[in-house]
Amino acid sequence: MNQDRFAGIWKQVRGKVKGRWGELTHDPRAVIAGTRDQLAGRIQEGYGISKDVAERQLKEFLHRNRNWDLSHH
């Protein structure tokens, strides 16, 4: 397993924790941030790309799909 894939898995775990913390504290921004981290981690793990590339791809996707709601996925 290369380093980028491992980093992607770790980012997913951190995102899940961040999202759960947001649910417990009723902080929707933390829930969304956790979901975003999980998505970026999945991209990074799945394609074995760097964190920066995964973040850029996710940012571009969300820009193109502005109506897509991270809090419900």
PDB file of N, CA and C in Angstrom:
ATOM      1  N   MET A   1       0.855  -1.172   0.000  1.00  0.00           N
ATOM      2  CA  MET A   1       0.000   0.000   0.000  1.00  0.00           C
ATOM      3  C   MET A   1       0.900   1.234   0.000  1.00  0.00           C
ATOM      4  N   ASN A   2       0.643   2.145  -0.937  1.00  0.00           N
ATOM      5  CA  ASN A   2       1.490   3.325  -0.960  1.00  0.00           C
ATOM      6  C   ASN A   2       1.051   4.347   0.094  1.00  0.00           C
ATOM      7  N   GLN A   3       1.890   5.324   0.296  1.00  0.00           N
ATOM      8  CA  GLN A   3       1.670   6.307   1.354  1.00  0.00           C
ATOM      9  C   GLN A   3       0.400   7.133   1.116  1.00  0.00           C
ATOM     10  N   ASP A   4       0.093   7.464  -0.132  1.00  0.00           N
ATOM     11  CA  ASP A   4      -1.104   8.252  -0.423  1.00  0.00           C
ATOM     12  C   ASP A   4      -2.377   7.478  -0.092  1.00  0.00           C
ATOM     13  N   ARG A   5      -2.386   6.190  -0.374  1.00  0.00           N
ATOM     14  CA  ARG A   5      -3.570   5.379  -0.043  1.00  0.00           C
ATOM     15  C   ARG A   5      -3.764   5.291   1.470  1.00  0.00           C
ATOM     16  N   PHE A   6      -2.671   5.085   2.199  1.00  0.00           N
ATOM     17  CA  PHE A   6      -2.765   5.038   3.654  1.00  0.00           C
ATOM     18  C   PHE A   6      -3.241   6.374   4.205  1.00  0.00           C
ATOM     19  N   ALA A   7      -2.717   7.460   3.672  1.00  0.00           N
ATOM     20  CA  ALA A   7      -3.138   8.792   4.116  1.00  0.00           C
ATOM     21  C   ALA A   7      -4.624   9.001   3.846  1.00  0.00           C
ATOM     22  N   GLY A   8      -5.118   8.463   2.737  1.00  0.00           N
ATOM     23  CA  GLY A   8      -6.541   8.566   2.423  1.00  0.00           C
ATOM     24  C   GLY A   8      -7.404   7.821   3.421  1.00  0.00           C
ATOM     25  N   ILE A   9      -6.952   6.629   3.818  1.00  0.00           N
ATOM     26  CA  ILE A   9      -7.692   5.860   4.828  1.00  0.00           C
ATOM     27  C   ILE A   9      -7.716   6.625   6.144  1.00  0.00           C
ATOM     28  N   TRP A  10      -6.575   7.165   6.529  1.00  0.00           N
ATOM     29  CA  TRP A  10      -6.489   7.919   7.787  1.00  0.00           C
ATOM     30  C   TRP A  10      -7.395   9.152   7.733  1.00  0.00           C
ATOM     31  N   LYS A  11      -7.464   9.832   6.591  1.00  0.00           N
ATOM     32  CA  LYS A  11      -8.319  11.014   6.455  1.00  0.00           C
ATOM     33  C   LYS A  11      -9.792  10.621   6.594  1.00  0.00           C
ATOM     34  N   GLN A  12     -10.158   9.449   6.099  1.00  0.00           N
ATOM     35  CA  GLN A  12     -11.530   8.979   6.248  1.00  0.00           C
ATOM     36  C   GLN A  12     -11.877   8.761   7.717  1.00  0.00           C
ATOM     37  N   VAL A  13     -10.953   8.160   8.452  1.00  0.00           N
ATOM     38  CA  VAL A  13     -11.177   7.907   9.884  1.00  0.00           C
ATOM     39  C   VAL A  13     -11.345   9.232  10.622  1.00  0.00           C
ATOM     40  N   ARG A  14     -10.446  10.176  10.343  1.00  0.00           N
ATOM     41  CA  ARG A  14     -10.541  11.489  10.985  1.00  0.00           C
ATOM     42  C   ARG A  14     -11.855  12.176  10.630  1.00  0.00           C
ATOM     43  N   GLY A  15     -12.290  12.021   9.382  1.00  0.00           N
ATOM     44  CA  GLY A  15     -13.547  12.615   8.946  1.00  0.00           C
ATOM     45  C   GLY A  15     -14.740  12.028   9.674  1.00  0.00           C
ATOM     46  N   LYS A  16     -14.724  10.711   9.889  1.00  0.00           N
ATOM     47  CA  LYS A  16     -15.814  10.074  10.637  1.00  0.00           C
ATOM     48  C   LYS A  16     -15.879  10.598  12.065  1.00  0.00           C
ATOM     49  N   VAL A  17     -14.711  10.733  12.689  1.00  0.00           N
ATOM     50  CA  VAL A  17     -14.659  11.244  14.063  1.00  0.00           C
ATOM     51  C   VAL A  17     -15.160  12.683  14.099  1.00  0.00           C
ATOM     52  N   LYS A  18     -14.703  13.488  13.149  1.00  0.00           N
ATOM     53  CA  LYS A  18     -15.121  14.892  13.094  1.00  0.00           C
ATOM     54  C   LYS A  18     -16.636  14.992  12.895  1.00  0.00           C
ATOM     55  N   GLY A  19     -17.179  14.158  12.026  1.00  0.00           N
ATOM     56  CA  GLY A  19     -18.617  14.166  11.779  1.00  0.00           C
ATOM     57  C   GLY A  19     -19.415  13.751  12.998  1.00  0.00           C
ATOM     58  N   ARG A  20     -18.948  12.711  13.673  1.00  0.00           N
ATOM     59  CA  ARG A  20     -19.644  12.267  14.896  1.00  0.00           C
ATOM     60  C   ARG A  20     -19.596  13.350  15.965  1.00  0.00           C
ATOM     61  N   TRP A  21     -18.447  14.015  16.093  1.00  0.00           N
ATOM     62  CA  TRP A  21     -18.332  15.099  17.070  1.00  0.00           C
ATOM     63  C   TRP A  21     -19.328  16.215  16.737  1.00  0.00           C
ATOM     64  N   GLY A  22     -19.467  16.515  15.465  1.00  0.00           N
ATOM     65  CA  GLY A  22     -20.434  17.519  15.041  1.00  0.00           C
ATOM     66  C   GLY A  22     -21.859  17.125  15.375  1.00  0.00           C
ATOM     67  N   GLU A  23     -22.171  15.843  15.217  1.00  0.00           N
ATOM     68  CA  GLU A  23     -23.512  15.364  15.586  1.00  0.00           C
ATOM     69  C   GLU A  23     -23.745  15.490  17.086  1.00  0.00           C
ATOM     70  N   LEU A  24     -22.746  15.106  17.868  1.00  0.00           N
ATOM     71  CA  LEU A  24     -22.884  15.166  19.325  1.00  0.00           C
ATOM     72  C   LEU A  24     -23.012  16.593  19.845  1.00  0.00           C
ATOM     73  N   THR A  25     -22.320  17.525  19.200  1.00  0.00           N
ATOM     74  CA  THR A  25     -22.338  18.918  19.645  1.00  0.00           C
ATOM     75  C   THR A  25     -23.341  19.755  18.868  1.00  0.00           C
ATOM     76  N   HIS A  26     -24.093  19.113  17.975  1.00  0.00           N
ATOM     77  CA  HIS A  26     -25.090  19.796  17.146  1.00  0.00           C
ATOM     78  C   HIS A  26     -24.451  20.922  16.340  1.00  0.00           C
ATOM     79  N   ASP A  27     -23.299  20.638  15.766  1.00  0.00           N
ATOM     80  CA  ASP A  27     -22.566  21.605  14.954  1.00  0.00           C
ATOM     81  C   ASP A  27     -22.583  21.142  13.501  1.00  0.00           C
ATOM     82  N   PRO A  28     -23.488  21.676  12.692  1.00  0.00           N
ATOM     83  CA  PRO A  28     -23.595  21.212  11.308  1.00  0.00           C
ATOM     84  C   PRO A  28     -22.328  21.463  10.495  1.00  0.00           C
ATOM     85  N   ARG A  29     -21.575  22.503  10.822  1.00  0.00           N
ATOM     86  CA  ARG A  29     -20.332  22.761  10.087  1.00  0.00           C
ATOM     87  C   ARG A  29     -19.326  21.646  10.306  1.00  0.00           C
ATOM     88  N   ALA A  30     -19.264  21.111  11.526  1.00  0.00           N
ATOM     89  CA  ALA A  30     -18.344  20.006  11.808  1.00  0.00           C
ATOM     90  C   ALA A  30     -18.791  18.732  11.086  1.00  0.00           C
ATOM     91  N   VAL A  31     -20.102  18.521  11.012  1.00  0.00           N
ATOM     92  CA  VAL A  31     -20.631  17.355  10.291  1.00  0.00           C
ATOM     93  C   VAL A  31     -20.241  17.447   8.813  1.00  0.00           C
ATOM     94  N   ILE A  32     -20.433  18.614   8.217  1.00  0.00           N
ATOM     95  CA  ILE A  32     -20.095  18.807   6.808  1.00  0.00           C
ATOM     96  C   ILE A  32     -18.590  18.665   6.594  1.00  0.00           C
ATOM     97  N   ALA A  33     -17.797  19.240   7.490  1.00  0.00           N
ATOM     98  CA  ALA A  33     -16.340  19.133   7.366  1.00  0.00           C
ATOM     99  C   ALA A  33     -15.903  17.669   7.461  1.00  0.00           C
ATOM    100  N   GLY A  34     -16.537  16.916   8.348  1.00  0.00           N
ATOM    101  CA  GLY A  34     -16.213  15.495   8.472  1.00  0.00           C
ATOM    102  C   GLY A  34     -16.561  14.721   7.219  1.00  0.00           C
ATOM    103  N   THR A  35     -17.718  15.024   6.640  1.00  0.00           N
ATOM    104  CA  THR A  35     -18.129  14.359   5.405  1.00  0.00           C
ATOM    105  C   THR A  35     -17.184  14.712   4.265  1.00  0.00           C
ATOM    106  N   ARG A  36     -16.791  15.970   4.198  1.00  0.00           N
ATOM    107  CA  ARG A  36     -15.858  16.407   3.156  1.00  0.00           C
ATOM    108  C   ARG A  36     -14.516  15.683   3.303  1.00  0.00           C
ATOM    109  N   ASP A  37     -14.035  15.559   4.537  1.00  0.00           N
ATOM    110  CA  ASP A  37     -12.779  14.842   4.774  1.00  0.00           C
ATOM    111  C   ASP A  37     -12.892  13.379   4.348  1.00  0.00           C
ATOM    112  N   GLN A  38     -14.031  12.768   4.650  1.00  0.00           N
ATOM    113  CA  GLN A  38     -14.221  11.371   4.264  1.00  0.00           C
ATOM    114  C   GLN A  38     -14.206  11.219   2.740  1.00  0.00           C
ATOM    115  N   LEU A  39     -14.877  12.123   2.046  1.00  0.00           N
ATOM    116  CA  LEU A  39     -14.899  12.056   0.583  1.00  0.00           C
ATOM    117  C   LEU A  39     -13.507  12.248  -0.002  1.00  0.00           C
ATOM    118  N   ALA A  40     -12.783  13.235   0.506  1.00  0.00           N
ATOM    119  CA  ALA A  40     -11.423  13.461   0.010  1.00  0.00           C
ATOM    120  C   ALA A  40     -10.545  12.246   0.301  1.00  0.00           C
ATOM    121  N   GLY A  41     -10.724  11.642   1.469  1.00  0.00           N
ATOM    122  CA  GLY A  41      -9.962  10.447   1.815  1.00  0.00           C
ATOM    123  C   GLY A  41     -10.272   9.278   0.902  1.00  0.00           C
ATOM    124  N   ARG A  42     -11.542   9.125   0.535  1.00  0.00           N
ATOM    125  CA  ARG A  42     -11.920   8.047  -0.380  1.00  0.00           C
ATOM    126  C   ARG A  42     -11.313   8.258  -1.761  1.00  0.00           C
ATOM    127  N   ILE A  43     -11.311   9.503  -2.214  1.00  0.00           N
ATOM    128  CA  ILE A  43     -10.693   9.808  -3.508  1.00  0.00           C
ATOM    129  C   ILE A  43      -9.204   9.499  -3.446  1.00  0.00           C
ATOM    130  N   GLN A  44      -8.567   9.957  -2.384  1.00  0.00           N
ATOM    131  CA  GLN A  44      -7.120   9.750  -2.227  1.00  0.00           C
ATOM    132  C   GLN A  44      -6.781   8.266  -2.158  1.00  0.00           C
ATOM    133  N   GLU A  45      -7.544   7.520  -1.378  1.00  0.00           N
ATOM    134  CA  GLU A  45      -7.296   6.083  -1.249  1.00  0.00           C
ATOM    135  C   GLU A  45      -7.578   5.347  -2.556  1.00  0.00           C
ATOM    136  N   GLY A  46      -8.710   5.649  -3.161  1.00  0.00           N
ATOM    137  CA  GLY A  46      -9.132   4.928  -4.353  1.00  0.00           C
ATOM    138  C   GLY A  46      -8.206   5.088  -5.542  1.00  0.00           C
ATOM    139  N   TYR A  47      -7.657   6.277  -5.687  1.00  0.00           N
ATOM    140  CA  TYR A  47      -6.818   6.542  -6.850  1.00  0.00           C
ATOM    141  C   TYR A  47      -5.339   6.611  -6.519  1.00  0.00           C
ATOM    142  N   GLY A  48      -4.999   6.549  -5.236  1.00  0.00           N
ATOM    143  CA  GLY A  48      -3.592   6.595  -4.838  1.00  0.00           C
ATOM    144  C   GLY A  48      -2.934   7.915  -5.210  1.00  0.00           C
ATOM    145  N   ILE A  49      -3.696   9.007  -5.065  1.00  0.00           N
ATOM    146  CA  ILE A  49      -3.183  10.329  -5.427  1.00  0.00           C
ATOM    147  C   ILE A  49      -2.867  11.126  -4.171  1.00  0.00           C
ATOM    148  N   SER A  50      -2.184  12.229  -4.350  1.00  0.00           N
ATOM    149  CA  SER A  50      -1.790  13.043  -3.201  1.00  0.00           C
ATOM    150  C   SER A  50      -2.997  13.754  -2.587  1.00  0.00           C
ATOM    151  N   LYS A  51      -2.817  14.206  -1.384  1.00  0.00           N
ATOM    152  CA  LYS A  51      -3.863  14.938  -0.658  1.00  0.00           C
ATOM    153  C   LYS A  51      -4.286  16.174  -1.440  1.00  0.00           C
ATOM    154  N   ASP A  52      -3.317  16.906  -1.974  1.00  0.00           N
ATOM    155  CA  ASP A  52      -3.618  18.132  -2.705  1.00  0.00           C
ATOM    156  C   ASP A  52      -4.468  17.865  -3.946  1.00  0.00           C
ATOM    157  N   VAL A  53      -4.139  16.814  -4.668  1.00  0.00           N
ATOM    158  CA  VAL A  53      -4.896  16.476  -5.874  1.00  0.00           C
ATOM    159  C   VAL A  53      -6.309  16.044  -5.497  1.00  0.00           C
ATOM    160  N   ALA A  54      -6.445  15.242  -4.459  1.00  0.00           N
ATOM    161  CA  ALA A  54      -7.769  14.792  -4.007  1.00  0.00           C
ATOM    162  C   ALA A  54      -8.620  15.976  -3.564  1.00  0.00           C
ATOM    163  N   GLU A  55      -8.030  16.880  -2.803  1.00  0.00           N
ATOM    164  CA  GLU A  55      -8.763  18.066  -2.342  1.00  0.00           C
ATOM    165  C   GLU A  55      -9.193  18.919  -3.536  1.00  0.00           C
ATOM    166  N   ARG A  56      -8.316  19.077  -4.518  1.00  0.00           N
ATOM    167  CA  ARG A  56      -8.642  19.875  -5.696  1.00  0.00           C
ATOM    168  C   ARG A  56      -9.789  19.236  -6.480  1.00  0.00           C
ATOM    169  N   GLN A  57      -9.730  17.911  -6.642  1.00  0.00           N
ATOM    170  CA  GLN A  57     -10.802  17.225  -7.367  1.00  0.00           C
ATOM    171  C   GLN A  57     -12.137  17.372  -6.645  1.00  0.00           C
ATOM    172  N   LEU A  58     -12.133  17.246  -5.326  1.00  0.00           N
ATOM    173  CA  LEU A  58     -13.363  17.393  -4.563  1.00  0.00           C
ATOM    174  C   LEU A  58     -13.884  18.825  -4.656  1.00  0.00           C
ATOM    175  N   LYS A  59     -12.995  19.799  -4.549  1.00  0.00           N
ATOM    176  CA  LYS A  59     -13.388  21.207  -4.657  1.00  0.00           C
ATOM    177  C   LYS A  59     -14.014  21.486  -6.025  1.00  0.00           C
ATOM    178  N   GLU A  60     -13.406  20.960  -7.083  1.00  0.00           N
ATOM    179  CA  GLU A  60     -13.944  21.144  -8.432  1.00  0.00           C
ATOM    180  C   GLU A  60     -15.315  20.482  -8.564  1.00  0.00           C
ATOM    181  N   PHE A  61     -15.473  19.284  -8.003  1.00  0.00           N
ATOM    182  CA  PHE A  61     -16.765  18.592  -8.051  1.00  0.00           C
ATOM    183  C   PHE A  61     -17.844  19.402  -7.347  1.00  0.00           C
ATOM    184  N   LEU A  62     -17.526  19.874  -6.145  1.00  0.00           N
ATOM    185  CA  LEU A  62     -18.516  20.639  -5.385  1.00  0.00           C
ATOM    186  C   LEU A  62     -18.839  21.966  -6.066  1.00  0.00           C
ATOM    187  N   HIS A  63     -17.865  22.556  -6.743  1.00  0.00           N
ATOM    188  CA  HIS A  63     -18.117  23.795  -7.471  1.00  0.00           C
ATOM    189  C   HIS A  63     -19.069  23.547  -8.646  1.00  0.00           C
ATOM    190  N   ARG A  64     -18.849  22.445  -9.357  1.00  0.00           N
ATOM    191  CA  ARG A  64     -19.715  22.116 -10.493  1.00  0.00           C
ATOM    192  C   ARG A  64     -21.107  21.682 -10.047  1.00  0.00           C
ATOM    193  N   ASN A  65     -21.219  21.143  -8.849  1.00  0.00           N
ATOM    194  CA  ASN A  65     -22.486  20.606  -8.340  1.00  0.00           C
ATOM    195  C   ASN A  65     -22.878  21.355  -7.073  1.00  0.00           C
ATOM    196  N   ARG A  66     -23.102  22.634  -7.199  1.00  0.00           N
ATOM    197  CA  ARG A  66     -23.338  23.497  -6.040  1.00  0.00           C
ATOM    198  C   ARG A  66     -24.554  23.104  -5.223  1.00  0.00           C
ATOM    199  N   ASN A  67     -25.511  22.435  -5.812  1.00  0.00           N
ATOM    200  CA  ASN A  67     -26.725  22.052  -5.087  1.00  0.00           C
ATOM    201  C   ASN A  67     -26.561  20.757  -4.311  1.00  0.00           C
ATOM    202  N   TRP A  68     -25.399  20.121  -4.435  1.00  0.00           N
ATOM    203  CA  TRP A  68     -25.156  18.855  -3.743  1.00  0.00           C
ATOM    204  C   TRP A  68     -24.910  19.141  -2.273  1.00  0.00           C
ATOM    205  N   ASP A  69     -25.684  18.545  -1.393  1.00  0.00           N
ATOM    206  CA  ASP A  69     -25.650  18.852   0.041  1.00  0.00           C
ATOM    207  C   ASP A  69     -24.834  17.806   0.781  1.00  0.00           C
ATOM    208  N   LEU A  70     -23.666  18.189   1.299  1.00  0.00           N
ATOM    209  CA  LEU A  70     -22.782  17.259   2.022  1.00  0.00           C
ATOM    210  C   LEU A  70     -23.389  16.760   3.321  1.00  0.00           C
ATOM    211  N   SER A  71     -24.300  17.505   3.904  1.00  0.00           N
ATOM    212  CA  SER A  71     -24.830  17.104   5.211  1.00  0.00           C
ATOM    213  C   SER A  71     -25.812  15.945   5.123  1.00  0.00           C
ATOM    214  N   HIS A  72     -26.260  15.600   3.922  1.00  0.00           N
ATOM    215  CA  HIS A  72     -27.219  14.512   3.786  1.00  0.00           C
ATOM    216  C   HIS A  72     -26.681  13.315   3.016  1.00  0.00           C
ATOM    217  N   HIS A  73     -25.367  13.225   2.829  1.00  0.00           N
ATOM    218  CA  HIS A  73     -24.781  12.103   2.076  1.00  0.00           C
ATOM    219  C   HIS A  73     -23.773  11.382   2.914  1.00  0.00           C
TER     220      HIS A  73
END
